[in-house]
Every structure is written in structure tokens, then in C-alpha cells.
Amino acid sequence: MNYPFEKAVASLQGTKELALAFGNQITSGQHVILNGELGAGKTFFIKQSCLAWGITNVSSPSFAIVNSYQNKNRVYHFDFFRIKNKEELLEIGFNDYLNDSDAVIFIEWGNLIPEVLPKKRIEINIEVLEDTKRFFTFKRYG
């Protein structure tokens, strides 16, 4: 996948295939930010991406703020939706997570606290078109 990259998908199966292809491409040390409205499929995309590494227990970290998964890769999965400010993230050691070069970090709702996002990252914006149709925009920063 070359960046920037855009793709429209018409079904859940199309999203699964795109996410799995993405999961097969990313490596440890990468930071992936997902933005999109409620129900856009951010957690679904992450869950499907993690299947590429044999991780099957992915769930939304909305209340926990961060979930950790491990198999072939270590994955930290953040959800900024309920975070009020960057100080809350710093209190839970957010920078320590970012500095773990052996992990892939996924952040949902990164657009809510952009000042803490790493300069080097991949951002995925998911636009809901209708029902299961989505438009994905991938950009690389840094």
C-alpha cells in the first residue's frame, strides 16, 4: 500500500480484506490513528488487522482507555473518546506506550487530542457512506 491511499468498500467483507491486507503490511514500532464517527468501524478494522498476527481477543477499550494484546506482535489499543485532556493520558503513562518500539499502537479517536499524537504515524479516516459501505483514506505522516 502506497500512501496516500484511498479505497471505497461496499461490505463488511471488503473492510475485512482491506484491514487484513493492512495488518500484513505494518510492523512493530508503528503508530496507527483511526478517526471516524461512532459506528464507522474503527474497532472492527483494528480487530481484523490484528488477525494478521493471530490476535483474536480484540475489544473496544472505551472504558479501559487502553487494551494490550500479544501474540507474534505486541499491540496497544487506545480509545481517546472518553479522555478529557492530555493530562489524563500522561497520568496512565501514554508516553511509555509510545516509546515501546516492539509494539504496534492503534489509537481510536486520535483527532480528539491531536497534540499528543506522534509525528510519525499512519492515519486512517473512515467515512460512512451507507449501511456497510465505507470510504477509507490512509495517510502517512513524518
N, C-alpha and C. Protein backbone atom coordinates (compact mmCIF):
# COMPACT_ATOMS: atom_id res chain seq x y z
N MET A 1 0.85 -1.18 0.00
CA MET A 1 0.00 0.00 0.00
C MET A 1 0.90 1.24 0.00
N ASN A 2 0.72 2.07 -0.97
CA ASN A 2 1.45 3.33 -1.04
C ASN A 2 0.56 4.45 -0.50
N TYR A 3 1.18 5.37 0.22
CA TYR A 3 0.42 6.46 0.84
C TYR A 3 0.63 7.75 0.08
N PRO A 4 -0.36 8.60 -0.01
CA PRO A 4 -1.74 8.41 0.46
C PRO A 4 -2.46 7.35 -0.36
N PHE A 5 -3.46 6.75 0.27
CA PHE A 5 -4.22 5.66 -0.34
C PHE A 5 -5.68 5.83 0.02
N GLU A 6 -6.55 5.64 -0.96
CA GLU A 6 -7.99 5.74 -0.71
C GLU A 6 -8.68 4.51 -1.28
N LYS A 7 -9.73 4.07 -0.58
CA LYS A 7 -10.47 2.92 -1.09
C LYS A 7 -11.89 2.95 -0.55
N ALA A 8 -12.84 2.72 -1.43
CA ALA A 8 -14.23 2.55 -1.03
C ALA A 8 -14.50 1.06 -0.94
N VAL A 9 -15.21 0.66 0.10
CA VAL A 9 -15.61 -0.74 0.23
C VAL A 9 -17.12 -0.78 0.38
N ALA A 10 -17.73 -1.83 -0.14
CA ALA A 10 -19.19 -1.91 -0.18
C ALA A 10 -19.77 -2.87 0.84
N SER A 11 -18.89 -3.57 1.60
CA SER A 11 -19.41 -4.60 2.50
C SER A 11 -18.46 -4.81 3.68
N LEU A 12 -18.94 -5.53 4.69
CA LEU A 12 -18.08 -5.91 5.80
C LEU A 12 -16.92 -6.77 5.30
N GLN A 13 -17.19 -7.63 4.34
CA GLN A 13 -16.14 -8.46 3.78
C GLN A 13 -15.05 -7.61 3.13
N GLY A 14 -15.45 -6.55 2.44
CA GLY A 14 -14.47 -5.64 1.84
C GLY A 14 -13.62 -4.96 2.90
N THR A 15 -14.24 -4.57 4.01
CA THR A 15 -13.49 -3.96 5.11
C THR A 15 -12.54 -4.98 5.72
N LYS A 16 -13.00 -6.21 5.92
CA LYS A 16 -12.14 -7.28 6.46
C LYS A 16 -10.91 -7.47 5.60
N GLU A 17 -11.10 -7.55 4.29
CA GLU A 17 -9.99 -7.78 3.37
C GLU A 17 -8.99 -6.63 3.40
N LEU A 18 -9.50 -5.39 3.43
CA LEU A 18 -8.63 -4.22 3.48
C LEU A 18 -7.85 -4.20 4.80
N ALA A 19 -8.52 -4.48 5.91
CA ALA A 19 -7.87 -4.46 7.22
C ALA A 19 -6.82 -5.56 7.33
N LEU A 20 -7.12 -6.73 6.82
CA LEU A 20 -6.15 -7.84 6.86
C LEU A 20 -4.92 -7.51 6.02
N ALA A 21 -5.13 -6.93 4.85
CA ALA A 21 -4.00 -6.52 4.00
C ALA A 21 -3.16 -5.47 4.72
N PHE A 22 -3.81 -4.53 5.39
CA PHE A 22 -3.11 -3.51 6.15
C PHE A 22 -2.32 -4.16 7.29
N GLY A 23 -2.97 -5.07 8.02
CA GLY A 23 -2.32 -5.76 9.12
C GLY A 23 -1.08 -6.52 8.69
N ASN A 24 -1.12 -7.09 7.52
CA ASN A 24 0.03 -7.83 7.00
C ASN A 24 1.18 -6.90 6.60
N GLN A 25 0.89 -5.63 6.46
CA GLN A 25 1.88 -4.68 5.99
C GLN A 25 2.58 -3.92 7.12
N ILE A 26 1.90 -3.70 8.23
CA ILE A 26 2.52 -2.88 9.28
C ILE A 26 3.42 -3.73 10.16
N THR A 27 4.34 -3.04 10.83
CA THR A 27 5.35 -3.71 11.64
C THR A 27 5.46 -3.06 13.02
N SER A 28 6.16 -3.72 13.91
CA SER A 28 6.39 -3.19 15.25
C SER A 28 6.96 -1.78 15.18
N GLY A 29 6.57 -0.97 16.13
CA GLY A 29 7.04 0.41 16.20
C GLY A 29 6.16 1.39 15.46
N GLN A 30 5.15 0.90 14.76
CA GLN A 30 4.27 1.82 14.02
C GLN A 30 3.10 2.27 14.87
N HIS A 31 2.68 3.50 14.62
CA HIS A 31 1.54 4.10 15.30
C HIS A 31 0.45 4.34 14.26
N VAL A 32 -0.75 3.84 14.56
CA VAL A 32 -1.86 3.92 13.61
C VAL A 32 -3.02 4.62 14.29
N ILE A 33 -3.47 5.71 13.70
CA ILE A 33 -4.56 6.51 14.25
C ILE A 33 -5.79 6.28 13.38
N LEU A 34 -6.93 6.00 14.02
CA LEU A 34 -8.18 5.80 13.28
C LEU A 34 -9.20 6.83 13.72
N ASN A 35 -9.76 7.53 12.75
CA ASN A 35 -10.79 8.53 13.00
C ASN A 35 -12.03 8.20 12.19
N GLY A 36 -13.17 8.57 12.73
CA GLY A 36 -14.44 8.34 12.07
C GLY A 36 -15.55 8.46 13.09
N GLU A 37 -16.73 8.68 12.62
CA GLU A 37 -17.86 8.86 13.53
C GLU A 37 -18.18 7.57 14.29
N LEU A 38 -19.02 7.66 15.30
CA LEU A 38 -19.47 6.48 16.04
C LEU A 38 -20.06 5.48 15.05
N GLY A 39 -19.66 4.23 15.18
CA GLY A 39 -20.19 3.19 14.31
C GLY A 39 -19.52 3.09 12.96
N ALA A 40 -18.46 3.87 12.73
CA ALA A 40 -17.78 3.84 11.43
C ALA A 40 -17.02 2.53 11.21
N GLY A 41 -16.61 1.88 12.30
CA GLY A 41 -15.91 0.62 12.17
C GLY A 41 -14.44 0.66 12.57
N LYS A 42 -14.08 1.60 13.43
CA LYS A 42 -12.68 1.71 13.86
C LYS A 42 -12.22 0.45 14.59
N THR A 43 -12.98 0.02 15.59
CA THR A 43 -12.61 -1.18 16.34
C THR A 43 -12.66 -2.41 15.44
N PHE A 44 -13.64 -2.50 14.58
CA PHE A 44 -13.75 -3.62 13.65
C PHE A 44 -12.51 -3.70 12.76
N PHE A 45 -12.06 -2.56 12.26
CA PHE A 45 -10.88 -2.51 11.41
C PHE A 45 -9.65 -3.00 12.17
N ILE A 46 -9.49 -2.54 13.41
CA ILE A 46 -8.34 -2.95 14.24
C ILE A 46 -8.40 -4.44 14.51
N LYS A 47 -9.59 -4.93 14.85
CA LYS A 47 -9.76 -6.36 15.13
C LYS A 47 -9.34 -7.20 13.92
N GLN A 48 -9.77 -6.80 12.75
CA GLN A 48 -9.42 -7.54 11.52
C GLN A 48 -7.93 -7.42 11.21
N SER A 49 -7.34 -6.25 11.45
CA SER A 49 -5.90 -6.07 11.22
C SER A 49 -5.09 -6.98 12.13
N CYS A 50 -5.51 -7.11 13.38
CA CYS A 50 -4.79 -7.94 14.35
C CYS A 50 -4.88 -9.42 14.03
N LEU A 51 -5.88 -9.82 13.27
CA LEU A 51 -5.97 -11.23 12.86
C LEU A 51 -4.75 -11.65 12.04
N ALA A 52 -4.12 -10.69 11.38
CA ALA A 52 -2.92 -10.97 10.60
C ALA A 52 -1.80 -11.51 11.49
N TRP A 53 -1.84 -11.20 12.78
CA TRP A 53 -0.82 -11.66 13.73
C TRP A 53 -1.35 -12.73 14.66
N GLY A 54 -2.54 -13.25 14.37
CA GLY A 54 -3.11 -14.30 15.21
C GLY A 54 -3.74 -13.80 16.49
N ILE A 55 -4.00 -12.52 16.59
CA ILE A 55 -4.63 -11.95 17.78
C ILE A 55 -6.14 -11.92 17.55
N THR A 56 -6.87 -12.62 18.40
CA THR A 56 -8.31 -12.77 18.20
C THR A 56 -9.15 -12.17 19.32
N ASN A 57 -8.53 -11.64 20.36
CA ASN A 57 -9.28 -11.15 21.52
C ASN A 57 -9.41 -9.63 21.57
N VAL A 58 -9.47 -8.98 20.43
CA VAL A 58 -9.56 -7.52 20.36
C VAL A 58 -10.96 -7.06 20.75
N SER A 59 -11.01 -6.07 21.63
CA SER A 59 -12.28 -5.47 22.03
C SER A 59 -12.08 -3.97 22.22
N SER A 60 -13.18 -3.24 22.26
CA SER A 60 -13.11 -1.79 22.39
C SER A 60 -12.58 -1.40 23.76
N PRO A 61 -11.57 -0.52 23.80
CA PRO A 61 -11.05 -0.05 25.07
C PRO A 61 -11.73 1.23 25.58
N SER A 62 -12.99 1.45 25.18
CA SER A 62 -13.67 2.69 25.52
C SER A 62 -13.64 3.00 27.02
N PHE A 63 -13.83 2.00 27.85
CA PHE A 63 -13.87 2.24 29.29
C PHE A 63 -12.52 2.01 29.95
N ALA A 64 -11.70 1.14 29.37
CA ALA A 64 -10.39 0.85 29.94
C ALA A 64 -9.33 1.85 29.47
N ILE A 65 -9.60 2.60 28.44
CA ILE A 65 -8.73 3.56 27.77
C ILE A 65 -7.68 2.85 26.90
N VAL A 66 -7.06 1.78 27.43
CA VAL A 66 -6.07 1.05 26.63
C VAL A 66 -6.21 -0.45 26.90
N ASN A 67 -6.14 -1.22 25.84
CA ASN A 67 -6.09 -2.68 25.92
C ASN A 67 -4.74 -3.11 25.36
N SER A 68 -4.24 -4.21 25.88
CA SER A 68 -2.97 -4.76 25.42
C SER A 68 -3.22 -6.18 24.92
N TYR A 69 -2.64 -6.50 23.76
CA TYR A 69 -2.77 -7.82 23.18
C TYR A 69 -1.38 -8.30 22.78
N GLN A 70 -1.19 -9.60 22.76
CA GLN A 70 0.11 -10.10 22.30
C GLN A 70 -0.02 -11.48 21.70
N ASN A 71 0.72 -11.68 20.65
CA ASN A 71 0.92 -12.97 20.01
C ASN A 71 2.27 -12.85 19.31
N LYS A 72 2.28 -12.83 17.97
CA LYS A 72 3.54 -12.57 17.27
C LYS A 72 3.99 -11.13 17.52
N ASN A 73 3.06 -10.24 17.67
CA ASN A 73 3.32 -8.82 17.91
C ASN A 73 2.65 -8.40 19.20
N ARG A 74 3.19 -7.37 19.82
CA ARG A 74 2.53 -6.73 20.96
C ARG A 74 1.75 -5.54 20.39
N VAL A 75 0.52 -5.40 20.84
CA VAL A 75 -0.36 -4.34 20.35
C VAL A 75 -0.95 -3.59 21.54
N TYR A 76 -0.88 -2.26 21.48
CA TYR A 76 -1.58 -1.41 22.43
C TYR A 76 -2.70 -0.72 21.65
N HIS A 77 -3.89 -0.77 22.21
CA HIS A 77 -5.09 -0.28 21.53
C HIS A 77 -5.75 0.76 22.43
N PHE A 78 -5.64 2.02 22.05
CA PHE A 78 -6.19 3.14 22.81
C PHE A 78 -7.51 3.61 22.23
N ASP A 79 -8.33 4.18 23.08
CA ASP A 79 -9.56 4.85 22.66
C ASP A 79 -9.61 6.18 23.39
N PHE A 80 -9.51 7.28 22.64
CA PHE A 80 -9.49 8.62 23.23
C PHE A 80 -10.90 9.20 23.43
N PHE A 81 -11.95 8.47 23.09
CA PHE A 81 -13.30 9.03 23.09
C PHE A 81 -13.70 9.60 24.45
N ARG A 82 -13.35 8.93 25.54
CA ARG A 82 -13.75 9.38 26.87
C ARG A 82 -12.68 10.20 27.60
N ILE A 83 -11.54 10.42 26.95
CA ILE A 83 -10.46 11.18 27.57
C ILE A 83 -10.80 12.67 27.51
N LYS A 84 -10.65 13.34 28.63
CA LYS A 84 -10.99 14.77 28.69
C LYS A 84 -9.85 15.69 28.25
N ASN A 85 -8.60 15.27 28.52
CA ASN A 85 -7.46 16.11 28.17
C ASN A 85 -6.18 15.28 28.14
N LYS A 86 -5.11 15.89 27.65
CA LYS A 86 -3.86 15.14 27.51
C LYS A 86 -3.27 14.74 28.85
N GLU A 87 -3.58 15.48 29.91
CA GLU A 87 -3.05 15.14 31.23
C GLU A 87 -3.52 13.76 31.68
N GLU A 88 -4.76 13.41 31.35
CA GLU A 88 -5.27 12.07 31.68
C GLU A 88 -4.41 11.00 31.02
N LEU A 89 -4.03 11.22 29.78
CA LEU A 89 -3.19 10.24 29.08
C LEU A 89 -1.80 10.16 29.69
N LEU A 90 -1.25 11.30 30.03
CA LEU A 90 0.09 11.31 30.62
C LEU A 90 0.10 10.59 31.96
N GLU A 91 -0.99 10.69 32.71
CA GLU A 91 -1.09 10.02 34.01
C GLU A 91 -1.05 8.50 33.89
N ILE A 92 -1.54 7.96 32.79
CA ILE A 92 -1.52 6.50 32.63
C ILE A 92 -0.26 6.02 31.90
N GLY A 93 0.69 6.92 31.69
CA GLY A 93 1.95 6.54 31.06
C GLY A 93 1.90 6.45 29.55
N PHE A 94 1.11 7.27 28.92
CA PHE A 94 0.95 7.25 27.47
C PHE A 94 2.29 7.30 26.74
N ASN A 95 3.19 8.16 27.20
CA ASN A 95 4.49 8.28 26.52
C ASN A 95 5.30 6.99 26.59
N ASP A 96 5.16 6.24 27.69
CA ASP A 96 5.85 4.95 27.79
C ASP A 96 5.35 3.99 26.73
N TYR A 97 4.04 3.99 26.51
CA TYR A 97 3.48 3.14 25.46
C TYR A 97 4.04 3.55 24.10
N LEU A 98 4.05 4.85 23.84
CA LEU A 98 4.54 5.34 22.54
C LEU A 98 5.99 4.97 22.29
N ASN A 99 6.77 4.88 23.36
CA ASN A 99 8.19 4.59 23.22
C ASN A 99 8.51 3.10 23.14
N ASP A 100 7.52 2.25 23.19
CA ASP A 100 7.73 0.81 23.07
C ASP A 100 7.88 0.47 21.58
N SER A 101 9.11 0.38 21.13
CA SER A 101 9.38 0.15 19.70
C SER A 101 9.08 -1.29 19.26
N ASP A 102 8.75 -2.15 20.22
CA ASP A 102 8.39 -3.53 19.88
C ASP A 102 6.90 -3.71 19.68
N ALA A 103 6.14 -2.65 19.82
CA ALA A 103 4.68 -2.75 19.75
C ALA A 103 4.12 -1.93 18.59
N VAL A 104 2.96 -2.36 18.15
CA VAL A 104 2.14 -1.57 17.23
C VAL A 104 1.11 -0.87 18.11
N ILE A 105 0.88 0.39 17.86
CA ILE A 105 -0.09 1.14 18.66
C ILE A 105 -1.21 1.62 17.75
N PHE A 106 -2.43 1.25 18.13
CA PHE A 106 -3.63 1.74 17.45
C PHE A 106 -4.30 2.74 18.38
N ILE A 107 -4.73 3.86 17.84
CA ILE A 107 -5.43 4.88 18.62
C ILE A 107 -6.72 5.24 17.90
N GLU A 108 -7.85 4.95 18.55
CA GLU A 108 -9.15 5.37 18.02
C GLU A 108 -9.44 6.77 18.52
N TRP A 109 -10.09 7.57 17.70
CA TRP A 109 -10.47 8.94 18.04
C TRP A 109 -9.26 9.83 18.31
N GLY A 110 -8.16 9.58 17.63
CA GLY A 110 -6.95 10.39 17.81
C GLY A 110 -7.17 11.86 17.51
N ASN A 111 -8.12 12.16 16.65
CA ASN A 111 -8.41 13.55 16.29
C ASN A 111 -8.93 14.36 17.48
N LEU A 112 -9.35 13.71 18.56
CA LEU A 112 -9.87 14.44 19.73
C LEU A 112 -8.77 15.06 20.57
N ILE A 113 -7.56 14.49 20.53
CA ILE A 113 -6.43 15.05 21.28
C ILE A 113 -5.20 15.01 20.37
N PRO A 114 -5.22 15.80 19.30
CA PRO A 114 -4.15 15.71 18.29
C PRO A 114 -2.77 16.12 18.81
N GLU A 115 -2.70 16.91 19.86
CA GLU A 115 -1.40 17.38 20.35
C GLU A 115 -0.54 16.26 20.94
N VAL A 116 -1.11 15.11 21.25
CA VAL A 116 -0.31 14.01 21.80
C VAL A 116 0.07 12.97 20.75
N LEU A 117 -0.43 13.11 19.55
CA LEU A 117 -0.17 12.11 18.51
C LEU A 117 1.30 12.17 18.08
N PRO A 118 1.90 11.01 17.85
CA PRO A 118 3.28 11.00 17.39
C PRO A 118 3.39 11.63 16.00
N LYS A 119 4.50 12.30 15.76
CA LYS A 119 4.70 12.93 14.44
C LYS A 119 4.75 11.87 13.33
N LYS A 120 5.37 10.74 13.63
CA LYS A 120 5.47 9.65 12.66
C LYS A 120 4.32 8.69 12.92
N ARG A 121 3.38 8.64 11.97
CA ARG A 121 2.19 7.83 12.16
C ARG A 121 1.49 7.58 10.82
N ILE A 122 0.57 6.63 10.86
CA ILE A 122 -0.34 6.39 9.75
C ILE A 122 -1.72 6.77 10.26
N GLU A 123 -2.41 7.59 9.53
CA GLU A 123 -3.77 7.98 9.91
C GLU A 123 -4.76 7.40 8.93
N ILE A 124 -5.80 6.79 9.49
CA ILE A 124 -6.86 6.21 8.67
C ILE A 124 -8.16 6.92 9.03
N ASN A 125 -8.77 7.55 8.05
CA ASN A 125 -10.08 8.17 8.25
C ASN A 125 -11.12 7.29 7.58
N ILE A 126 -12.17 7.01 8.34
CA ILE A 126 -13.24 6.15 7.84
C ILE A 126 -14.51 6.98 7.72
N GLU A 127 -15.02 7.07 6.52
CA GLU A 127 -16.25 7.81 6.27
C GLU A 127 -17.37 6.81 5.99
N VAL A 128 -18.47 6.96 6.72
CA VAL A 128 -19.63 6.10 6.50
C VAL A 128 -20.39 6.63 5.29
N LEU A 129 -20.58 5.78 4.30
CA LEU A 129 -21.34 6.17 3.12
C LEU A 129 -22.81 5.75 3.28
N GLU A 130 -23.02 4.51 3.65
CA GLU A 130 -24.36 3.98 3.97
C GLU A 130 -24.20 2.55 4.44
N ASP A 131 -25.08 2.09 5.28
CA ASP A 131 -25.07 0.72 5.80
C ASP A 131 -23.64 0.22 6.03
N THR A 132 -23.18 -0.70 5.20
CA THR A 132 -21.84 -1.27 5.36
C THR A 132 -20.82 -0.66 4.39
N LYS A 133 -21.22 0.34 3.64
CA LYS A 133 -20.30 0.99 2.70
C LYS A 133 -19.46 2.03 3.44
N ARG A 134 -18.15 1.98 3.20
CA ARG A 134 -17.21 2.89 3.86
C ARG A 134 -16.21 3.41 2.84
N PHE A 135 -15.69 4.61 3.13
CA PHE A 135 -14.62 5.18 2.33
C PHE A 135 -13.43 5.40 3.25
N PHE A 136 -12.31 4.73 2.93
CA PHE A 136 -11.10 4.78 3.75
C PHE A 136 -10.07 5.68 3.10
N THR A 137 -9.47 6.55 3.91
CA THR A 137 -8.36 7.38 3.47
C THR A 137 -7.18 7.11 4.39
N PHE A 138 -6.06 6.69 3.81
CA PHE A 138 -4.83 6.39 4.56
C PHE A 138 -3.79 7.44 4.23
N LYS A 139 -3.17 8.02 5.26
CA LYS A 139 -2.09 8.98 5.06
C LYS A 139 -0.96 8.66 6.01
N ARG A 140 0.25 8.89 5.55
CA ARG A 140 1.44 8.69 6.39
C ARG A 140 1.98 10.08 6.74
N TYR A 141 2.34 10.25 8.01
CA TYR A 141 2.93 11.50 8.49
C TYR A 141 4.31 11.19 9.05
N GLY A 142 5.19 12.17 8.89
CA GLY A 142 6.55 12.04 9.45
C GLY A 142 7.38 11.15 8.62
